């Protein structure tokens, strides 16, 4: 029986990630312990090297790495060759500074183009992974999305597994709890997601607390068909970790 240790939105907070894994009993030397990241492993925290070293030290059959919007932001910034304001605001450029060892845009961008640990990590990421009745994604599964002047609404797309890279990119930005509440669910499956702070679901859907006040709840948001995991670590100072068992 294998154990899957699931985290999301670590955002470069290596110490908090390891504390969460250790509390759940993760053993880096146990071949039956599988690490699952639901995306956004980097940006905002100051320990991107430590996060990447940990992930890359695991054999390929002992990790499942999901692409988040921050992985895509880094990829786009490197391809563009210059940072934009959102790269600075989201912490992407700061991560690039650390990984490249550079102080100026040309040095940082050049360093990231040749940053092997980043390239090795990104090459191992995927948009989704299915494990029995579990689906691992970042934001949510691709779906039909509609917007008007006062709300967004989403409809289930039964062909989501065949979605284009463009649709998957859009889905990394979804608030999974909102999309789930719109009725976008995969029958018989639990979708595990990150990206959006879980206090949103506890506050807006369950009416348990405020979203960011002293009473805010950042533990996983769980309901039938969903387990949202983003603890908003920069605010809460902890990473959520859940464990499921599955016999392959």
Foldseek 3Di string as FASTA:
>chain_A
DAKEKEWEQCAQVLVQVVVQCVVVPDDLPDPRYAYEYQENNHFDHDHPVNSLVSVVVHPLVRYAAAYALLLVVLVVCLVVQFDDPVCVVRRVQVVLCNQQVDDDSNSSSVSVVVRVSSVVVVVSHYQWDDDPQEIRHAAFQQFDWDDDPPDIATDEDPVSVPDDPVSSSVSSQHNNLRHVVNPHADPSHAYEYENDFQLCCCCVVVVNADSQDPGGDREWDDDVRYTYWYSVCVRVVHIYIDMDDDDD
